[in-house]
Amino acid sequence: MAATSRYWIVSLPVHASATTVWNRLRESISKHSFDTPLYRFNVPDLRVGTLDSLLALSDDLAKSNAFIEGVTHKIRRQIEELEKVSGVQVGSLTVDGVPVDSYLTRFVWDEGKYPTMSPLREIVDSIHVQVAKIEDDMKIRVAEYSNIRSQLNAINRKQSGSLAVRDLSNLVNPEDIVTSEHLVTLLAIVPKYSQKDWLSSYETLTSYVVPRSTKKLHEDNEYALYTVTLFQKVADNFRNNAREKGFQIREFEYSPEAQDSRKQELEKLVQDQDTKRSSLLQWCYASYGEVFSSWMHFCAVRLFAESILRYGLPPSFLSAVLAPSGKSEKKVRSILEELCGNVNSSYWKSEDEVSVAGLGGEAEAFPYVSFTLNLV
């Protein structure tokens, strides 16, 4: 995981030279907030289009960003959950092998994937469709994995739950069961603190009970499992009388074939779960990188569009990435404001929340374009 998880992406107006603004920004940060990492954010020359198209796009960008950011967090949380189940530490999240924080701070536009001459709306829609497809794919893959886990959990509950409900096949051996033309062995679930009552009364619950035929096979925190052998013709009567005394007779038919089948089913489910988990984890790591890359291209489009609407044409602004600590934020905001030449500073400070609030849902307006990225 990245050491820093919260970044600002900003743009500052350029009236003469971008290099001059960049050098002034570096000097001010170095002098007044030396612990704040600072990087150039490389936004290409994109196609501006009309003012109406920019305004219409701006209205949709915040919503689209929330969706794309949300998908990155969903995938990251899924990775964390899968790694936790596996008992290993979460690996580094990367984009084509590059750590995500490095990808952000050294961002390079992918011209092959998103031609800069394409209309901004076309680029944004392409990113949204791609991320939505990944989210849909993730839902299907997670559902398949969860289904196998649910089946395994159901089997484990049957094998580890109370004797009143759990599967008894792995507690009963062939020698515990007597089956003949006339005799049958029943399995009785006896409350733990009623065992003396059972031992003293089971022979008299009905006629034709084989004396001293009961045997305790297992005991848990609540119940004990006993066998009892009797004539088949009185089995129903025994069940009814046992129930009246608070003893439960579990329906059970010993079948080695069925037991082997259940064992094989369990082994296959465990194997399928491991295979699905490994496949899903691998897919999540790859898809996180893909969605994160799409998110950064989206951020570049957002920064470009907001900067045109804020500073006007032709495009003339400096974009940068900063990662100030909590205690440095106020000072860094002051530095950025000073580099705007304090143009309209009082205006921005006196306004309520405005439509140019940033990507990360900034509730405060600034005389420059700014939004926050939370990587975790």
Protein backbone atom coordinates (compact mmCIF):
# COMPACT_ATOMS: atom_id res chain seq x y z
CA MET A 1 0.00 0.00 0.00
CA ALA A 2 1.10 3.56 -0.60
CA ALA A 3 2.74 5.31 2.32
CA THR A 4 0.64 8.41 1.55
CA SER A 5 -3.01 7.85 0.83
CA ARG A 6 -4.40 11.39 0.52
CA TYR A 7 -3.40 13.72 -2.29
CA TRP A 8 -4.43 17.07 -3.68
CA ILE A 9 -4.52 17.68 -7.42
CA VAL A 10 -4.51 21.39 -8.18
CA SER A 11 -4.13 23.80 -11.07
CA LEU A 12 -2.83 27.33 -10.86
CA PRO A 13 -3.32 30.07 -13.48
CA VAL A 14 -0.29 30.90 -15.63
CA HIS A 15 -0.01 34.49 -16.86
CA ALA A 16 3.50 34.33 -18.30
CA SER A 17 5.52 31.13 -17.84
CA ALA A 18 4.51 27.79 -16.36
CA THR A 19 8.14 27.21 -15.41
CA THR A 20 8.13 30.41 -13.37
CA VAL A 21 4.98 29.39 -11.50
CA TRP A 22 6.41 25.90 -10.89
CA ASN A 23 9.69 27.28 -9.52
CA ARG A 24 7.85 29.70 -7.24
CA LEU A 25 5.64 26.86 -5.98
CA ARG A 26 8.64 24.61 -5.31
CA GLU A 27 10.49 27.39 -3.50
CA SER A 28 7.50 28.29 -1.32
CA ILE A 29 6.76 24.66 -0.40
CA SER A 30 10.42 24.01 0.34
CA LYS A 31 10.65 27.10 2.53
CA HIS A 32 7.33 26.96 4.40
CA SER A 33 6.19 23.32 4.20
CA PHE A 34 9.28 21.27 3.42
CA ASP A 35 7.63 17.98 4.44
CA THR A 36 4.96 18.27 1.72
CA PRO A 37 5.69 16.07 -1.34
CA LEU A 38 5.17 18.00 -4.59
CA TYR A 39 5.00 16.71 -8.17
CA ARG A 40 4.00 17.98 -11.61
CA PHE A 41 0.76 16.45 -12.89
CA ASN A 42 1.06 16.11 -16.64
CA VAL A 43 -2.22 17.08 -18.30
CA PRO A 44 -2.02 16.95 -22.10
CA ASP A 45 -3.50 19.50 -24.49
CA LEU A 46 -7.01 18.15 -24.79
CA ARG A 47 -9.77 19.18 -27.15
CA VAL A 48 -11.67 22.08 -25.60
CA GLY A 49 -14.95 21.98 -27.55
CA THR A 50 -17.64 24.58 -26.86
CA LEU A 51 -18.40 26.36 -23.62
CA ASP A 52 -21.82 24.71 -23.49
CA SER A 53 -20.27 21.25 -23.83
CA LEU A 54 -17.78 22.06 -21.05
CA LEU A 55 -20.52 23.26 -18.73
CA ALA A 56 -22.65 20.21 -19.44
CA LEU A 57 -19.65 17.94 -18.87
CA SER A 58 -18.73 19.71 -15.63
CA ASP A 59 -22.17 18.94 -14.21
CA ASP A 60 -21.62 15.20 -14.74
CA LEU A 61 -17.97 14.89 -13.73
CA ALA A 62 -18.44 14.92 -9.95
CA LYS A 63 -20.99 12.10 -10.14
CA SER A 64 -18.80 10.06 -12.50
CA ASN A 65 -15.79 10.56 -10.26
CA ALA A 66 -17.68 9.30 -7.22
CA PHE A 67 -18.61 6.18 -9.19
CA ILE A 68 -15.08 5.48 -10.47
CA GLU A 69 -13.47 6.17 -7.09
CA GLY A 70 -16.07 3.92 -5.47
CA VAL A 71 -15.17 1.03 -7.77
CA THR A 72 -11.45 1.37 -6.94
CA HIS A 73 -12.28 1.18 -3.23
CA LYS A 74 -14.59 -1.82 -3.75
CA ILE A 75 -11.82 -3.74 -5.51
CA ARG A 76 -9.25 -2.74 -2.88
CA ARG A 77 -11.55 -3.89 -0.05
CA GLN A 78 -12.17 -7.17 -1.89
CA ILE A 79 -8.41 -7.71 -2.13
CA GLU A 80 -8.02 -7.04 1.59
CA GLU A 81 -10.82 -9.49 2.41
CA LEU A 82 -9.38 -12.24 0.20
CA GLU A 83 -5.88 -11.77 1.60
CA LYS A 84 -7.23 -11.83 5.15
CA VAL A 85 -8.97 -15.15 4.48
CA SER A 86 -5.71 -16.48 3.03
CA GLY A 87 -3.82 -15.26 6.09
CA VAL A 88 -1.33 -13.20 4.11
CA GLN A 89 -0.50 -9.52 4.01
CA VAL A 90 -2.00 -7.41 1.23
CA GLY A 91 0.48 -6.97 -1.60
CA SER A 92 1.34 -3.72 -3.34
CA LEU A 93 -1.36 -2.27 -5.55
CA THR A 94 0.13 -1.43 -8.92
CA VAL A 95 -0.62 -0.22 -12.43
CA ASP A 96 1.40 -2.34 -14.87
CA GLY A 97 3.90 -3.05 -12.11
CA VAL A 98 4.17 0.59 -10.97
CA PRO A 99 2.96 1.34 -7.41
CA VAL A 100 -0.24 3.39 -7.53
CA ASP A 101 1.24 6.38 -5.71
CA SER A 102 4.12 6.48 -8.19
CA TYR A 103 1.67 6.14 -11.08
CA LEU A 104 -0.21 9.18 -9.78
CA THR A 105 2.85 11.33 -9.11
CA ARG A 106 4.47 10.39 -12.45
CA PHE A 107 1.29 10.27 -14.47
CA VAL A 108 1.66 10.03 -18.26
CA TRP A 109 -1.36 10.23 -20.54
CA ASP A 110 -2.01 7.10 -22.62
CA GLU A 111 -2.54 8.54 -26.10
CA GLY A 112 -3.14 5.10 -27.62
CA LYS A 113 -6.01 4.38 -25.27
CA TYR A 114 -7.48 7.87 -25.06
CA PRO A 115 -6.61 9.99 -28.14
CA THR A 116 -6.30 13.61 -27.08
CA MET A 117 -8.16 14.78 -30.17
CA SER A 118 -11.29 12.94 -29.05
CA PRO A 119 -14.05 15.11 -27.56
CA LEU A 120 -13.84 15.27 -23.76
CA ARG A 121 -17.33 13.76 -23.44
CA GLU A 122 -16.23 10.79 -25.54
CA ILE A 123 -13.19 10.20 -23.32
CA VAL A 124 -15.24 10.46 -20.13
CA ASP A 125 -17.96 8.14 -21.46
CA SER A 126 -15.33 5.63 -22.58
CA ILE A 127 -13.79 5.59 -19.09
CA HIS A 128 -17.21 5.28 -17.42
CA VAL A 129 -18.27 2.37 -19.65
CA GLN A 130 -14.97 0.56 -19.08
CA VAL A 131 -15.15 0.93 -15.29
CA ALA A 132 -18.85 -0.08 -15.23
CA LYS A 133 -17.99 -3.24 -17.18
CA ILE A 134 -15.26 -4.11 -14.66
CA GLU A 135 -17.68 -3.52 -11.78
CA ASP A 136 -20.27 -5.82 -13.40
CA ASP A 137 -17.61 -8.48 -13.98
CA MET A 138 -16.54 -8.17 -10.36
CA LYS A 139 -20.11 -8.68 -9.11
CA ILE A 140 -20.38 -11.92 -11.10
CA ARG A 141 -17.00 -13.23 -9.92
CA VAL A 142 -17.64 -12.34 -6.28
CA ALA A 143 -21.10 -13.95 -6.44
CA GLU A 144 -19.58 -17.20 -7.76
CA TYR A 145 -16.95 -17.21 -5.02
CA SER A 146 -19.51 -16.32 -2.33
CA ASN A 147 -21.81 -19.12 -3.48
CA ILE A 148 -19.08 -21.72 -2.94
CA ARG A 149 -18.21 -20.20 0.44
CA SER A 150 -21.88 -20.33 1.45
CA GLN A 151 -22.08 -24.01 0.52
CA LEU A 152 -18.95 -24.76 2.53
CA ASN A 153 -20.18 -22.74 5.50
CA ALA A 154 -23.47 -24.64 5.44
CA ILE A 155 -21.60 -27.97 5.48
CA ASN A 156 -19.29 -26.76 8.26
CA ARG A 157 -22.28 -25.64 10.33
CA LYS A 158 -23.79 -29.09 9.93
CA GLN A 159 -20.55 -30.69 11.05
CA SER A 160 -19.75 -28.34 13.90
CA GLY A 161 -23.15 -27.24 15.19
CA SER A 162 -25.22 -28.65 18.01
CA LEU A 163 -25.98 -32.38 18.02
CA ALA A 164 -29.61 -31.44 17.59
CA VAL A 165 -28.96 -30.17 14.05
CA ARG A 166 -25.49 -31.21 12.88
CA ASP A 167 -24.64 -34.01 10.47
CA LEU A 168 -24.08 -37.19 12.47
CA SER A 169 -22.48 -39.35 9.78
CA ASN A 170 -18.91 -38.70 10.91
CA LEU A 171 -19.81 -39.57 14.53
CA VAL A 172 -21.33 -42.98 13.84
CA ASN A 173 -19.32 -46.09 12.96
CA PRO A 174 -20.67 -49.27 11.32
CA GLU A 175 -20.32 -51.25 14.57
CA ASP A 176 -22.59 -48.74 16.35
CA ILE A 177 -25.57 -49.69 14.20
CA VAL A 178 -27.55 -52.93 14.46
CA THR A 179 -29.78 -53.71 11.50
CA SER A 180 -31.64 -56.96 10.97
CA GLU A 181 -35.03 -58.21 9.89
CA HIS A 182 -36.55 -57.28 13.26
CA LEU A 183 -34.07 -54.98 15.06
CA VAL A 184 -33.22 -51.33 14.48
CA THR A 185 -30.82 -48.89 16.14
CA LEU A 186 -32.04 -45.36 16.80
CA LEU A 187 -29.95 -42.28 17.62
CA ALA A 188 -31.14 -40.26 20.61
CA ILE A 189 -30.16 -36.66 21.33
CA VAL A 190 -30.21 -36.31 25.12
CA PRO A 191 -29.84 -32.96 26.93
CA LYS A 192 -26.47 -32.99 28.67
CA TYR A 193 -27.93 -32.71 32.15
CA SER A 194 -30.66 -35.33 31.51
CA GLN A 195 -28.31 -38.23 30.82
CA LYS A 196 -29.06 -39.97 34.13
CA ASP A 197 -32.75 -39.75 33.33
CA TRP A 198 -32.12 -41.31 29.92
CA LEU A 199 -30.04 -44.15 31.29
CA SER A 200 -32.65 -44.99 33.89
CA SER A 201 -35.68 -44.75 31.63
CA TYR A 202 -34.86 -45.65 28.02
CA GLU A 203 -35.57 -49.39 28.55
CA THR A 204 -39.09 -48.58 29.76
CA LEU A 205 -40.13 -46.02 27.15
CA THR A 206 -41.78 -48.87 25.27
CA SER A 207 -41.73 -52.65 25.19
CA TYR A 208 -39.21 -54.69 23.20
CA VAL A 209 -36.21 -52.46 23.94
CA VAL A 210 -32.97 -54.43 24.03
CA PRO A 211 -31.65 -54.18 27.63
CA ARG A 212 -28.34 -52.36 28.15
CA SER A 213 -28.22 -51.54 24.43
CA THR A 214 -27.60 -47.80 24.82
CA LYS A 215 -24.14 -46.40 24.12
CA LYS A 216 -22.86 -42.82 24.22
CA LEU A 217 -21.10 -41.86 20.99
CA HIS A 218 -20.47 -38.14 21.44
CA GLU A 219 -21.11 -35.16 23.71
CA ASP A 220 -21.02 -31.41 23.12
CA ASN A 221 -21.83 -28.40 25.29
CA GLU A 222 -25.57 -29.01 25.15
CA TYR A 223 -26.33 -32.60 24.25
CA ALA A 224 -25.10 -36.20 24.28
CA LEU A 225 -25.58 -38.65 21.41
CA TYR A 226 -26.77 -42.14 22.43
CA THR A 227 -27.70 -45.25 20.48
CA VAL A 228 -30.53 -47.56 21.49
CA THR A 229 -31.56 -50.86 19.88
CA LEU A 230 -35.13 -52.13 19.80
CA PHE A 231 -37.60 -54.03 17.66
CA GLN A 232 -38.63 -52.18 14.51
CA LYS A 233 -42.35 -52.64 15.21
CA VAL A 234 -42.14 -50.40 18.31
CA ALA A 235 -39.84 -47.73 16.85
CA ASP A 236 -42.61 -45.14 16.27
CA ASN A 237 -43.98 -45.64 19.77
CA PHE A 238 -40.47 -45.23 21.20
CA ARG A 239 -39.97 -41.97 19.28
CA ASN A 240 -43.21 -40.50 20.61
CA ASN A 241 -42.55 -41.47 24.22
CA ALA A 242 -38.94 -40.25 24.01
CA ARG A 243 -40.09 -36.87 22.70
CA GLU A 244 -42.49 -36.51 25.64
CA LYS A 245 -39.55 -37.04 27.99
CA GLY A 246 -37.47 -34.37 26.21
CA PHE A 247 -35.31 -36.76 24.16
CA GLN A 248 -34.98 -36.20 20.41
CA ILE A 249 -34.70 -39.18 18.07
CA ARG A 250 -32.73 -38.13 14.99
CA GLU A 251 -33.57 -39.69 11.64
CA PHE A 252 -30.43 -41.44 10.46
CA GLU A 253 -29.56 -44.14 7.97
CA TYR A 254 -25.98 -45.31 7.92
CA SER A 255 -24.64 -45.40 4.36
CA PRO A 256 -20.91 -45.70 3.64
CA GLU A 257 -21.59 -44.72 0.02
CA ALA A 258 -23.42 -41.55 1.04
CA GLN A 259 -20.67 -40.69 3.54
CA ASP A 260 -17.97 -41.11 0.87
CA SER A 261 -20.03 -38.99 -1.51
CA ARG A 262 -20.33 -36.20 1.07
CA LYS A 263 -16.62 -36.39 1.76
CA GLN A 264 -15.81 -36.08 -1.94
CA GLU A 265 -18.26 -33.20 -2.29
CA LEU A 266 -16.59 -31.38 0.60
CA GLU A 267 -13.11 -31.92 -0.82
CA LYS A 268 -14.25 -30.63 -4.22
CA LEU A 269 -15.86 -27.55 -2.67
CA VAL A 270 -12.67 -26.78 -0.72
CA GLN A 271 -10.63 -27.14 -3.91
CA ASP A 272 -13.11 -25.02 -5.89
CA GLN A 273 -13.04 -22.35 -3.19
CA ASP A 274 -9.25 -22.15 -3.26
CA THR A 275 -9.25 -21.99 -7.06
CA LYS A 276 -11.95 -19.29 -7.15
CA ARG A 277 -10.22 -17.27 -4.42
CA SER A 278 -6.88 -17.37 -6.22
CA SER A 279 -8.49 -16.49 -9.55
CA LEU A 280 -10.57 -13.67 -8.03
CA LEU A 281 -7.57 -12.25 -6.20
CA GLN A 282 -5.46 -12.25 -9.35
CA TRP A 283 -8.30 -10.61 -11.27
CA CYS A 284 -8.76 -7.96 -8.53
CA TYR A 285 -5.10 -6.96 -8.58
CA ALA A 286 -5.13 -6.62 -12.37
CA SER A 287 -8.50 -4.83 -12.45
CA TYR A 288 -7.51 -2.44 -9.67
CA GLY A 289 -4.59 -1.28 -11.80
CA GLU A 290 -6.87 -0.87 -14.81
CA VAL A 291 -9.51 1.10 -12.91
CA PHE A 292 -6.91 3.23 -11.13
CA SER A 293 -5.32 4.13 -14.47
CA SER A 294 -8.77 5.06 -15.82
CA TRP A 295 -9.38 7.15 -12.71
CA MET A 296 -6.17 9.14 -13.19
CA HIS A 297 -7.04 9.84 -16.85
CA PHE A 298 -10.47 10.93 -15.67
CA CYS A 299 -8.84 13.27 -13.13
CA ALA A 300 -6.74 14.80 -15.90
CA VAL A 301 -9.89 15.48 -17.95
CA ARG A 302 -11.62 16.93 -14.90
CA LEU A 303 -8.70 19.18 -14.07
CA PHE A 304 -8.50 20.37 -17.68
CA ALA A 305 -12.23 21.11 -17.94
CA GLU A 306 -12.42 22.87 -14.56
CA SER A 307 -9.32 24.93 -15.34
CA ILE A 308 -10.75 26.14 -18.65
CA LEU A 309 -14.00 27.11 -16.93
CA ARG A 310 -12.06 28.82 -14.11
CA TYR A 311 -9.24 30.57 -15.99
CA GLY A 312 -10.62 30.90 -19.52
CA LEU A 313 -9.05 30.35 -22.94
CA PRO A 314 -6.53 29.63 -24.25
CA PRO A 315 -5.59 26.88 -21.75
CA SER A 316 -2.82 28.31 -19.57
CA PHE A 317 -2.39 26.67 -16.20
CA LEU A 318 0.06 24.65 -14.14
CA SER A 319 -1.16 21.37 -12.66
CA ALA A 320 0.46 19.70 -9.67
CA VAL A 321 0.03 16.94 -7.10
CA LEU A 322 0.68 17.57 -3.41
CA ALA A 323 0.43 15.38 -0.33
CA PRO A 324 0.40 17.73 2.68
CA SER A 325 0.17 16.39 6.20
CA GLY A 326 -2.81 17.40 8.29
CA LYS A 327 -0.82 20.02 10.17
CA SER A 328 0.53 21.52 6.93
CA GLU A 329 -2.73 21.84 5.01
CA LYS A 330 -3.56 25.38 6.10
CA LYS A 331 -0.09 26.64 5.21
CA VAL A 332 -0.10 24.92 1.82
CA ARG A 333 -3.52 26.41 1.02
CA SER A 334 -2.09 29.83 1.82
CA ILE A 335 0.88 29.24 -0.50
CA LEU A 336 -1.37 28.18 -3.36
CA GLU A 337 -3.60 31.20 -2.86
CA GLU A 338 -0.63 33.56 -2.93
CA LEU A 339 0.52 32.05 -6.22
CA CYS A 340 -2.86 32.96 -7.71
CA GLY A 341 -1.87 36.57 -7.07
CA ASN A 342 -4.76 36.85 -4.59
CA VAL A 343 -7.00 37.49 -7.59
CA ASN A 344 -10.60 37.38 -6.35
CA SER A 345 -9.44 35.69 -3.10
CA SER A 346 -11.95 37.58 -1.01
CA TYR A 347 -14.66 36.69 -3.53
CA TRP A 348 -13.93 32.95 -3.27
CA LYS A 349 -13.75 33.06 0.50
CA SER A 350 -17.08 34.87 0.82
CA GLU A 351 -19.02 32.52 -1.46
CA ASP A 352 -20.94 29.51 -0.22
CA GLU A 353 -20.14 26.10 -1.69
CA VAL A 354 -19.97 26.47 -5.48
CA SER A 355 -20.22 24.16 -8.43
CA VAL A 356 -16.46 24.06 -8.95
CA ALA A 357 -15.88 22.24 -5.68
CA GLY A 358 -13.37 19.53 -6.31
CA LEU A 359 -13.43 15.91 -7.29
CA GLY A 360 -13.10 14.62 -3.79
CA GLY A 361 -16.20 16.48 -2.70
CA GLU A 362 -14.44 19.60 -1.40
CA ALA A 363 -16.91 21.61 0.66
CA GLU A 364 -14.72 24.73 0.52
CA ALA A 365 -14.04 26.83 -2.59
CA PHE A 366 -10.61 28.19 -3.50
CA PRO A 367 -9.36 30.74 -6.05
CA TYR A 368 -7.71 27.83 -7.89
CA VAL A 369 -8.91 24.42 -9.01
CA SER A 370 -8.39 21.81 -6.31
CA PHE A 371 -9.71 18.38 -5.49
CA THR A 372 -8.72 15.58 -3.14
CA LEU A 373 -7.92 11.97 -3.94
CA ASN A 374 -8.24 9.36 -1.22
CA LEU A 375 -6.42 6.22 -2.34
CA VAL A 376 -7.72 4.18 0.59
